[in-house]
Amino acid sequence: MTNVPITVARGNGIGPEIMAATLEILKEAGARLTIDEIEIGEDVYKRGCSTGIEPASWETLRKNKIFLKAPIFTPMGGGFKSLNVTVRKTLGLYANIRPCRAYSPFIQTHHPDMDLVIVRENEEGLYGGVEYKYTQNVTESLKLVSRAGSERIVRYAFEYARANGRKTVTCMVKDNIMKISDGLFYEVFQDIASDYPEIKAERSIVDIGSARVAARPSNFDVIVTENLYGDIISDVAAEVSGSVGLGISANIGDGFAMFEAMHGTAPDIAGQGIANPSGLILATIMMLVHIGQGDVAETIHNAWLKTIEDGIHTGDLYKEETSQQRVGTDGFKKALIQRLGMKPEKLKPVSYDSSQGALTIPPLKEDKVVSRELIGTDIYIYAKNKDKDVNGFAREMQAHLLDGLELSMVSNRGMKMWPGDRAESLCSDMWRLRLKGTSLPLAGTLVAQQIVKFADSGFDIVKTHNLYHFDGKEGFSKAQGEG
């Protein structure tokens, strides 16, 4: 059979050690691969490449379309974007699949029946990295949620559940607070769920849902959620399964895929030969299934289960009551290779269909035609000490209003401060003026003229947001305390 070309990056910290072990296991198991290696991460940053990845490496990734990556280091501080996020977004890897299961009693856990999968949206939300500093005291991180992005990830979750015999998909959101952004995500979930009547669709508020993942993970099957939520939930799930070192991650897009361990570079143990390669090995098994080499994936996975079952454990998993032998990276690799062709006797053996491969996701639904009407604008002003006389501040701003606009509200940090009694909430130095048109539709030119007039009058405008009605419904949130 023809070899499948893949790109490999050995990474930083413990990355080179665990990748070397993983590649040897692949070779001994007969994986049909052609491997191109690239260098990304720490040394590339040091050579002056602020993205951590050079143009030639992008060419290799785009040519091979399959990427097996060890953990990489992203410098802290300004000027450096997360390379993980950059790769995911550049290659359109919108779905992050993170299985978390227990291997009790051979790996200690309080939840021996745990077997869940987190399907995390990978490109949007707060991890879009769109941030601003408006004043000395006020910053902003934009949470961007699109209908198309939500539909793709929700559809993937249901298709994954169907392909893998899963019974329930739970949507985790915070739409009781973020009624517009998380509300859209859940609205899409409800719409897509109707296409899969054989799969139970549930909703959970993300805070209590995360607590229940920690306390009763066996209650969940497949969880689909937004970017930040998915990152947090999957770390919680991996930890309660027995070890975050077993956490794995597949990043899937249309035509591209990246596979990696969830853990980081662990520089404190790098070079000591004691790192657990299991996270990367298990991620590699997902890669083999994705490219249609389920036979090799099955061989390696069963050998891994047999190794764990036989009590051959690296230091992070070793417990006197459950382990037989403490080994390092090389020892674990050799033990697994010796067990290729074997199956576990107590843990459930795995079976993969050799024809099983990448999921095919139906095309996006056509957008519904809706009306959009401009009805006002929010203008944010940098101004100090206005909390001492909010009524006076409102009168001052009203004096500079153009005909056709009215000041409906002044707020600070999302809390209404005018009209009515000033709230006791702490005030920052950035104030929101909510202006609405006295007759609709409101002309965009009038909004622009008002902004210019405020600026010409000496007011420091830091940002604006237009307010719209969509099919007559408000497309913006109200301030706390606003009627």
Protein backbone atom coordinates (compact mmCIF):
# COMPACT_ATOMS: atom_id res chain seq x y z
CA MET A 1 0.00 0.00 0.00
CA THR A 2 1.09 3.57 -0.68
CA ASN A 3 2.75 5.42 2.18
CA VAL A 4 0.94 8.46 3.54
CA PRO A 5 3.11 11.60 3.77
CA ILE A 6 3.05 13.33 7.14
CA THR A 7 4.89 16.25 8.69
CA VAL A 8 6.59 15.79 12.06
CA ALA A 9 7.89 18.39 14.52
CA ARG A 10 9.93 17.15 17.48
CA GLY A 11 9.12 20.25 19.52
CA ASN A 12 10.84 21.59 22.62
CA GLY A 13 11.48 20.47 26.19
CA ILE A 14 10.53 16.81 26.44
CA GLY A 15 9.21 16.90 22.88
CA PRO A 16 12.25 15.39 21.13
CA GLU A 17 12.37 12.47 23.62
CA ILE A 18 8.74 11.47 23.37
CA MET A 19 8.67 11.98 19.60
CA ALA A 20 11.71 9.72 19.14
CA ALA A 21 9.95 6.99 21.12
CA THR A 22 6.72 7.46 19.19
CA LEU A 23 8.40 7.30 15.77
CA GLU A 24 10.20 4.09 16.68
CA ILE A 25 6.90 2.53 17.79
CA LEU A 26 5.32 3.55 14.48
CA LYS A 27 8.17 1.96 12.57
CA GLU A 28 8.04 -1.31 14.51
CA ALA A 29 4.25 -1.48 14.14
CA GLY A 30 4.52 -1.19 10.37
CA ALA A 31 2.89 2.21 9.91
CA ARG A 32 2.81 3.12 6.22
CA LEU A 33 4.20 6.64 6.41
CA THR A 34 6.63 8.95 4.66
CA ILE A 35 7.92 11.46 7.17
CA ASP A 36 9.07 15.04 6.52
CA GLU A 37 10.47 16.82 9.56
CA ILE A 38 10.23 20.54 10.24
CA GLU A 39 11.61 22.67 13.05
CA ILE A 40 9.24 24.96 14.91
CA GLY A 41 9.17 26.66 18.27
CA GLU A 42 11.91 27.85 20.58
CA ASP A 43 15.00 27.79 18.35
CA VAL A 44 13.05 29.36 15.49
CA TYR A 45 11.96 32.21 17.78
CA LYS A 46 15.60 32.68 18.79
CA ARG A 47 16.57 33.03 15.12
CA GLY A 48 14.33 36.09 14.97
CA CYS A 49 11.19 34.55 13.52
CA SER A 50 8.44 35.96 15.76
CA THR A 51 5.85 33.43 14.55
CA GLY A 52 8.01 30.44 15.54
CA ILE A 53 7.56 28.82 12.13
CA GLU A 54 9.38 29.60 8.89
CA PRO A 55 7.87 29.86 5.37
CA ALA A 56 9.42 26.56 4.17
CA SER A 57 7.75 24.76 7.04
CA TRP A 58 4.36 26.12 6.02
CA GLU A 59 4.98 24.75 2.53
CA THR A 60 5.68 21.28 3.94
CA LEU A 61 2.57 21.38 6.12
CA ARG A 62 0.36 22.40 3.20
CA LYS A 63 1.85 19.71 0.99
CA ASN A 64 1.42 16.83 3.42
CA LYS A 65 -1.78 17.98 5.17
CA ILE A 66 -1.15 15.70 8.19
CA PHE A 67 0.89 17.06 11.11
CA LEU A 68 2.18 15.09 14.12
CA LYS A 69 3.51 17.59 16.63
CA ALA A 70 5.32 17.26 19.94
CA PRO A 71 4.86 20.02 22.56
CA ILE A 72 6.32 23.39 21.59
CA PHE A 73 7.37 26.43 23.57
CA THR A 74 5.83 29.88 23.04
CA PRO A 75 7.70 32.76 24.75
CA MET A 76 5.75 34.76 27.30
CA GLY A 77 5.17 38.46 26.86
CA GLY A 78 4.39 40.81 24.00
CA GLY A 79 5.18 40.17 20.37
CA PHE A 80 4.72 36.38 20.46
CA LYS A 81 1.51 34.68 19.46
CA SER A 82 0.82 31.08 20.52
CA LEU A 83 2.19 28.89 17.75
CA ASN A 84 -0.41 26.24 18.53
CA VAL A 85 -3.20 28.75 17.91
CA THR A 86 -1.45 30.11 14.81
CA VAL A 87 -1.20 26.66 13.21
CA ARG A 88 -4.79 25.79 14.06
CA LYS A 89 -6.17 28.99 12.59
CA THR A 90 -3.87 29.21 9.57
CA LEU A 91 -4.74 25.68 8.45
CA GLY A 92 -8.42 26.01 9.36
CA LEU A 93 -8.32 23.29 12.04
CA TYR A 94 -11.68 24.23 13.47
CA ALA A 95 -12.42 21.06 15.47
CA ASN A 96 -10.37 20.06 18.50
CA ILE A 97 -11.17 16.51 19.59
CA ARG A 98 -10.05 15.51 23.10
CA PRO A 99 -11.00 12.02 24.34
CA CYS A 100 -10.65 11.42 28.07
CA ARG A 101 -11.14 7.96 29.54
CA ALA A 102 -10.17 6.08 32.68
CA TYR A 103 -7.87 3.03 32.76
CA SER A 104 -8.87 1.80 36.19
CA PRO A 105 -7.63 0.00 38.20
CA PHE A 106 -4.23 0.22 36.52
CA ILE A 107 -4.15 4.02 36.60
CA GLN A 108 -5.69 5.43 39.76
CA THR A 109 -8.84 7.51 39.41
CA HIS A 110 -11.98 8.15 41.40
CA HIS A 111 -14.01 7.70 38.21
CA PRO A 112 -13.36 4.23 36.74
CA ASP A 113 -16.29 4.42 34.29
CA MET A 114 -15.23 7.70 32.72
CA ASP A 115 -15.19 7.73 28.90
CA LEU A 116 -16.04 11.09 27.38
CA VAL A 117 -14.97 13.20 24.41
CA ILE A 118 -14.72 16.99 24.33
CA VAL A 119 -15.29 18.56 20.91
CA ARG A 120 -13.92 22.08 21.21
CA GLU A 121 -14.33 24.91 18.70
CA ASN A 122 -10.80 25.83 17.73
CA GLU A 123 -10.77 29.17 15.89
CA GLU A 124 -13.19 31.63 17.47
CA GLY A 125 -14.21 32.91 20.88
CA LEU A 126 -11.76 34.56 23.22
CA TYR A 127 -8.89 32.60 21.69
CA GLY A 128 -9.25 34.74 18.60
CA GLY A 129 -6.70 36.87 20.43
CA VAL A 130 -8.38 40.18 19.52
CA GLU A 131 -7.49 42.46 22.44
CA TYR A 132 -7.20 46.18 23.06
CA LYS A 133 -6.11 48.57 25.77
CA TYR A 134 -8.32 51.64 25.64
CA THR A 135 -7.24 53.59 28.70
CA GLN A 136 -4.71 53.21 31.48
CA ASN A 137 -7.27 51.20 33.42
CA VAL A 138 -9.47 49.42 30.85
CA THR A 139 -8.67 46.53 28.51
CA GLU A 140 -10.86 44.39 26.29
CA SER A 141 -10.74 40.90 24.82
CA LEU A 142 -13.29 40.31 22.08
CA LYS A 143 -15.25 37.08 22.03
CA LEU A 144 -16.21 36.45 18.42
CA VAL A 145 -18.81 33.76 17.74
CA SER A 146 -20.12 33.24 14.20
CA ARG A 147 -23.05 31.16 12.98
CA ALA A 148 -20.87 29.35 10.44
CA GLY A 149 -18.15 28.58 13.00
CA SER A 150 -20.73 27.31 15.48
CA GLU A 151 -22.46 25.18 12.87
CA ARG A 152 -19.24 23.48 11.78
CA ILE A 153 -18.20 22.44 15.27
CA VAL A 154 -21.68 21.35 16.37
CA ARG A 155 -22.11 19.35 13.17
CA TYR A 156 -18.73 17.72 13.73
CA ALA A 157 -19.71 16.72 17.27
CA PHE A 158 -22.88 14.98 16.08
CA GLU A 159 -21.10 13.30 13.17
CA TYR A 160 -18.39 12.11 15.57
CA ALA A 161 -21.03 10.75 17.93
CA ARG A 162 -22.79 8.93 15.08
CA ALA A 163 -19.55 7.46 13.68
CA ASN A 164 -18.34 6.26 17.09
CA GLY A 165 -21.56 4.89 18.52
CA ARG A 166 -22.00 7.68 21.06
CA LYS A 167 -25.47 8.28 22.44
CA THR A 168 -25.52 11.83 23.82
CA VAL A 169 -24.10 15.23 22.84
CA THR A 170 -24.09 17.93 25.53
CA CYS A 171 -23.72 21.60 24.60
CA MET A 172 -21.90 23.61 27.30
CA VAL A 173 -22.57 27.35 27.17
CA LYS A 174 -23.08 30.39 29.39
CA ASP A 175 -26.10 31.74 27.51
CA ASN A 176 -27.86 32.81 30.70
CA ILE A 177 -25.30 35.65 30.87
CA MET A 178 -23.87 36.00 27.35
CA LYS A 179 -27.26 35.84 25.72
CA ILE A 180 -26.10 36.97 22.27
CA SER A 181 -22.77 35.17 21.72
CA ASP A 182 -23.40 31.97 23.68
CA GLY A 183 -27.06 32.30 22.75
CA LEU A 184 -26.11 31.99 19.08
CA PHE A 185 -23.97 28.92 19.76
CA TYR A 186 -26.84 27.17 21.55
CA GLU A 187 -29.37 28.26 18.94
CA VAL A 188 -27.22 26.59 16.27
CA PHE A 189 -26.85 23.50 18.48
CA GLN A 190 -30.62 23.14 18.70
CA ASP A 191 -30.99 23.53 14.96
CA ILE A 192 -28.31 20.95 14.10
CA ALA A 193 -29.48 18.48 16.77
CA SER A 194 -32.78 18.07 14.93
CA ASP A 195 -30.86 16.40 12.08
CA TYR A 196 -29.72 13.61 14.44
CA PRO A 197 -32.87 12.27 16.11
CA GLU A 198 -31.10 9.08 17.24
CA ILE A 199 -28.67 11.08 19.40
CA LYS A 200 -29.82 12.70 22.64
CA ALA A 201 -29.08 16.44 22.75
CA GLU A 202 -28.56 18.13 26.13
CA ARG A 203 -27.57 21.59 27.36
CA SER A 204 -25.49 22.46 30.41
CA ILE A 205 -24.39 25.81 31.82
CA VAL A 206 -20.61 25.65 31.61
CA ASP A 207 -19.78 26.44 35.24
CA ILE A 208 -21.93 23.74 36.82
CA GLY A 209 -21.20 21.52 33.84
CA SER A 210 -17.46 21.75 34.50
CA ALA A 211 -18.06 20.94 38.16
CA ARG A 212 -20.04 17.88 37.15
CA VAL A 213 -17.26 16.77 34.78
CA ALA A 214 -14.95 16.85 37.80
CA ALA A 215 -17.44 15.11 40.12
CA ARG A 216 -19.41 12.78 37.82
CA PRO A 217 -17.67 12.53 34.42
CA SER A 218 -19.40 9.25 33.57
CA ASN A 219 -22.62 11.29 33.14
CA PHE A 220 -21.19 12.71 29.91
CA ASP A 221 -20.60 11.17 26.51
CA VAL A 222 -19.71 13.86 23.95
CA ILE A 223 -19.41 17.52 24.98
CA VAL A 224 -19.39 20.28 22.36
CA THR A 225 -18.43 23.78 23.41
CA GLU A 226 -16.61 26.99 22.58
CA ASN A 227 -12.86 27.53 22.51
CA LEU A 228 -11.95 28.69 26.03
CA TYR A 229 -14.56 26.51 27.71
CA GLY A 230 -13.30 23.46 25.83
CA ASP A 231 -9.71 24.11 26.84
CA ILE A 232 -10.62 24.30 30.52
CA ILE A 233 -13.07 21.40 30.52
CA SER A 234 -10.68 19.06 28.72
CA ASP A 235 -7.89 19.77 31.21
CA VAL A 236 -10.29 19.07 34.08
CA ALA A 237 -11.42 15.85 32.39
CA ALA A 238 -7.87 14.68 31.67
CA GLU A 239 -6.83 15.32 35.26
CA VAL A 240 -9.73 13.43 36.84
CA SER A 241 -9.22 10.53 34.42
CA GLY A 242 -5.93 9.84 36.17
CA SER A 243 -3.28 11.99 34.51
CA VAL A 244 -3.20 15.07 32.29
CA GLY A 245 -0.16 13.39 30.73
CA LEU A 246 -2.56 11.01 28.96
CA GLY A 247 -4.55 13.85 27.42
CA ILE A 248 -4.59 13.89 23.62
CA SER A 249 -5.76 16.29 20.98
CA ALA A 250 -6.74 15.96 17.33
CA ASN A 251 -7.19 19.21 15.42
CA ILE A 252 -9.32 18.68 12.33
CA GLY A 253 -10.14 20.92 9.37
CA ASP A 254 -11.29 20.56 5.80
CA GLY A 255 -8.34 18.70 4.28
CA PHE A 256 -5.86 19.29 7.13
CA ALA A 257 -5.30 17.64 10.50
CA MET A 258 -2.85 18.02 13.40
CA PHE A 259 -2.33 15.54 16.24
CA GLU A 260 -0.63 16.30 19.55
CA ALA A 261 -0.48 15.57 23.25
CA MET A 262 -2.37 18.01 25.48
CA HIS A 263 0.50 18.54 27.91
CA GLY A 264 3.27 21.09 27.60
CA THR A 265 7.03 20.99 27.12
CA ALA A 266 7.82 20.18 30.80
CA PRO A 267 11.26 21.85 30.72
CA ASP A 268 11.91 20.84 34.35
CA ILE A 269 12.33 17.18 33.31
CA ALA A 270 13.60 17.66 29.75
CA GLY A 271 16.64 15.55 28.89
CA GLN A 272 16.26 13.24 31.90
CA GLY A 273 14.67 10.39 29.97
CA ILE A 274 11.73 10.11 32.37
CA ALA A 275 8.91 11.73 30.36
CA ASN A 276 5.78 9.72 29.64
CA PRO A 277 5.31 9.41 25.85
CA SER A 278 1.74 8.12 26.21
CA GLY A 279 -0.04 11.36 25.28
CA LEU A 280 1.79 11.57 21.97
CA ILE A 281 1.42 7.83 21.33
CA LEU A 282 -2.34 8.01 21.85
CA ALA A 283 -2.54 11.09 19.62
CA THR A 284 -0.66 9.14 16.97
CA ILE A 285 -3.27 6.39 17.20
CA MET A 286 -5.94 9.00 16.39
CA MET A 287 -3.83 10.09 13.43
CA LEU A 288 -3.58 6.53 12.10
CA VAL A 289 -7.36 6.10 12.29
CA HIS A 290 -7.83 9.45 10.54
CA ILE A 291 -5.62 8.44 7.58
CA GLY A 292 -7.23 5.03 7.21
CA GLN A 293 -4.59 2.87 8.90
CA GLY A 294 -6.91 1.48 11.54
CA ASP A 295 -5.04 -1.83 11.51
CA VAL A 296 -1.82 -0.20 12.72
CA ALA A 297 -3.75 1.99 15.18
CA GLU A 298 -5.37 -1.11 16.65
CA THR A 299 -2.03 -2.90 17.01
CA ILE A 300 -0.37 0.02 18.81
CA HIS A 301 -3.36 0.86 20.99
CA ASN A 302 -3.82 -2.71 22.23
CA ALA A 303 -0.08 -2.95 22.92
CA TRP A 304 -0.28 0.30 24.89
CA LEU A 305 -3.24 -1.02 26.90
CA LYS A 306 -1.38 -4.25 27.56
CA THR A 307 1.69 -2.31 28.75
CA ILE A 308 -0.44 -0.24 31.13
CA GLU A 309 -2.30 -3.36 32.30
CA ASP A 310 1.00 -5.12 33.01
CA GLY A 311 1.94 -2.31 35.37
CA ILE A 312 4.79 -0.89 33.27
CA HIS A 313 4.46 2.77 34.21
CA THR A 314 6.48 5.97 33.94
CA GLY A 315 7.00 8.00 37.08
CA ASP A 316 3.92 10.20 36.66
CA LEU A 317 1.68 7.11 36.78
CA TYR A 318 3.69 4.87 39.10
CA LYS A 319 1.93 3.81 42.30
CA GLU A 320 3.21 0.99 44.47
CA GLU A 321 -0.26 -0.50 44.84
CA THR A 322 -1.04 -0.58 41.07
CA SER A 323 2.35 -0.61 39.29
CA GLN A 324 4.81 -3.43 38.71
CA GLN A 325 7.79 -1.62 37.20
CA ARG A 326 8.87 2.02 37.05
CA VAL A 327 10.40 2.92 33.69
CA GLY A 328 11.56 5.97 31.79
CA THR A 329 10.70 7.05 28.26
CA ASP A 330 12.92 4.45 26.60
CA GLY A 331 11.80 1.66 28.92
CA PHE A 332 8.15 2.35 28.23
CA LYS A 333 8.79 2.40 24.49
CA LYS A 334 10.60 -0.95 24.59
CA ALA A 335 7.87 -2.53 26.72
CA LEU A 336 5.21 -1.39 24.26
CA ILE A 337 7.15 -2.67 21.25
CA GLN A 338 7.54 -6.07 22.95
CA ARG A 339 3.74 -6.23 23.25
CA LEU A 340 2.90 -5.36 19.64
CA GLY A 341 0.45 -8.01 18.49
CA MET A 342 -0.86 -8.61 22.03
CA LYS A 343 -4.17 -7.53 23.52
CA PRO A 344 -5.06 -6.56 27.08
CA GLU A 345 -6.79 -9.18 29.19
CA LYS A 346 -8.62 -6.99 31.70
CA LEU A 347 -8.93 -3.66 29.95
CA LYS A 348 -11.25 -3.73 26.94
CA PRO A 349 -9.31 -4.30 23.68
CA VAL A 350 -9.89 -1.77 20.91
CA SER A 351 -10.91 -2.47 17.35
CA TYR A 352 -10.64 -0.08 14.42
CA ASP A 353 -12.10 -0.53 10.97
CA SER A 354 -9.31 -0.19 8.41
CA SER A 355 -11.72 1.65 6.13
CA GLN A 356 -12.48 4.18 8.87
CA GLY A 357 -10.94 7.55 8.18
CA ALA A 358 -11.60 11.26 8.30
CA LEU A 359 -15.20 12.30 8.90
CA THR A 360 -17.07 13.92 6.05
CA ILE A 361 -19.09 16.88 7.28
CA PRO A 362 -22.17 18.04 5.35
CA PRO A 363 -21.98 21.55 3.84
CA LEU A 364 -23.08 24.55 5.86
CA LYS A 365 -26.72 25.50 5.73
CA GLU A 366 -27.64 28.58 3.74
CA ASP A 367 -27.99 31.75 5.78
CA LYS A 368 -31.54 32.84 6.45
CA VAL A 369 -32.40 36.23 4.98
CA VAL A 370 -32.97 38.74 7.79
CA SER A 371 -33.49 42.49 7.83
CA ARG A 372 -30.85 44.66 9.51
CA GLU A 373 -31.71 48.18 10.66
CA LEU A 374 -29.34 50.70 12.28
CA ILE A 375 -31.08 52.17 15.33
CA GLY A 376 -28.25 53.73 17.35
CA THR A 377 -24.64 53.62 18.44
CA ASP A 378 -22.56 53.15 21.57
CA ILE A 379 -19.74 55.66 21.88
CA TYR A 380 -17.05 55.08 24.51
CA ILE A 381 -15.41 58.15 26.01
CA TYR A 382 -12.20 58.37 28.05
CA ALA A 383 -13.03 60.61 30.99
CA LYS A 384 -11.84 60.67 34.59
CA ASN A 385 -13.84 61.35 37.75
CA LYS A 386 -17.21 61.59 36.00
CA ASP A 387 -18.69 59.26 38.63
CA LYS A 388 -18.71 62.23 41.02
CA ASP A 389 -21.43 63.93 38.93
CA VAL A 390 -22.92 61.51 36.40
CA ASN A 391 -25.97 63.73 35.88
CA GLY A 392 -23.74 66.66 35.00
CA PHE A 393 -21.73 64.44 32.64
CA ALA A 394 -24.94 63.34 30.87
CA ARG A 395 -26.10 66.97 30.48
CA GLU A 396 -22.69 67.90 29.11
CA MET A 397 -22.88 65.18 26.43
CA GLN A 398 -26.51 66.01 25.57
CA ALA A 399 -25.45 69.57 24.81
CA HIS A 400 -23.36 68.25 21.91
CA LEU A 401 -25.96 65.97 20.35
CA LEU A 402 -27.05 66.45 16.75
CA ASP A 403 -30.71 66.59 15.79
CA GLY A 404 -32.04 63.09 15.26
CA LEU A 405 -30.13 61.50 18.14
CA GLU A 406 -30.92 61.17 21.83
CA LEU A 407 -28.87 59.97 24.79
CA SER A 408 -30.69 56.97 26.24
CA MET A 409 -28.11 55.75 28.74
CA VAL A 410 -24.69 56.30 30.29
CA SER A 411 -22.97 53.20 31.66
CA ASN A 412 -19.63 52.18 33.11
CA ARG A 413 -18.18 48.65 33.06
CA GLY A 414 -21.55 47.38 31.82
CA MET A 415 -23.56 48.98 34.67
CA LYS A 416 -26.13 51.71 33.98
CA MET A 417 -25.18 54.98 35.74
CA TRP A 418 -27.73 57.34 34.13
CA PRO A 419 -30.68 58.03 34.01
CA GLY A 420 -31.89 57.40 37.52
CA ASP A 421 -29.88 57.08 40.70
CA ARG A 422 -26.18 56.41 40.19
CA ALA A 423 -25.31 52.79 40.96
CA GLU A 424 -22.78 52.13 43.70
CA SER A 425 -20.63 50.07 41.33
CA LEU A 426 -16.96 50.98 40.93
CA CYS A 427 -16.35 53.23 37.92
CA SER A 428 -13.42 53.13 35.51
CA ASP A 429 -12.18 55.92 33.25
CA MET A 430 -14.07 54.64 30.17
CA TRP A 431 -17.74 55.59 29.80
CA ARG A 432 -20.34 54.29 27.37
CA LEU A 433 -22.88 56.66 25.84
CA ARG A 434 -25.82 54.86 24.25
CA LEU A 435 -27.29 57.06 21.52
CA LYS A 436 -30.48 56.12 19.68
CA GLY A 437 -32.16 57.63 16.66
CA THR A 438 -35.34 59.63 17.26
CA SER A 439 -36.67 58.29 13.94
CA LEU A 440 -35.79 55.07 12.16
CA PRO A 441 -34.03 53.91 10.13
CA LEU A 442 -31.05 55.89 11.40
CA ALA A 443 -28.63 57.14 8.77
CA GLY A 444 -25.05 55.94 9.19
CA THR A 445 -23.84 59.35 8.06
CA LEU A 446 -25.53 60.93 11.09
CA VAL A 447 -23.66 58.56 13.41
CA ALA A 448 -20.38 59.48 11.71
CA GLN A 449 -21.14 63.19 12.00
CA GLN A 450 -21.91 62.79 15.70
CA ILE A 451 -18.59 61.08 16.32
CA VAL A 452 -16.79 63.91 14.54
CA LYS A 453 -18.68 66.53 16.57
CA PHE A 454 -17.76 64.86 19.86
CA ALA A 455 -14.12 64.67 18.77
CA ASP A 456 -14.10 68.32 17.58
CA SER A 457 -15.56 69.31 20.96
CA GLY A 458 -12.54 67.82 22.74
CA PHE A 459 -13.97 64.51 23.91
CA ASP A 460 -11.58 61.53 23.75
CA ILE A 461 -13.42 58.76 21.84
CA VAL A 462 -11.80 55.34 22.31
CA LYS A 463 -14.26 53.15 20.37
CA THR A 464 -17.76 52.89 18.94
CA HIS A 465 -20.26 50.08 18.32
CA ASN A 466 -23.31 50.46 16.09
CA LEU A 467 -26.63 49.11 17.35
CA TYR A 468 -28.86 47.10 15.03
CA HIS A 469 -32.23 45.44 14.93
CA PHE A 470 -32.36 42.08 13.14
CA ASP A 471 -35.88 41.28 12.00
CA GLY A 472 -36.99 43.79 14.59
CA LYS A 473 -35.07 42.17 17.47
CA GLU A 474 -32.26 43.90 19.33
CA GLY A 475 -28.80 42.74 18.30
CA PHE A 476 -27.06 44.15 21.36
CA SER A 477 -27.10 43.61 25.10
CA LYS A 478 -28.55 45.93 27.65
CA ALA A 479 -26.50 47.29 30.52
CA GLN A 480 -27.05 45.91 33.99
CA GLY A 481 -29.95 47.95 35.39
CA GLU A 482 -31.10 49.18 31.98
CA GLY A 483 -34.83 48.75 31.33
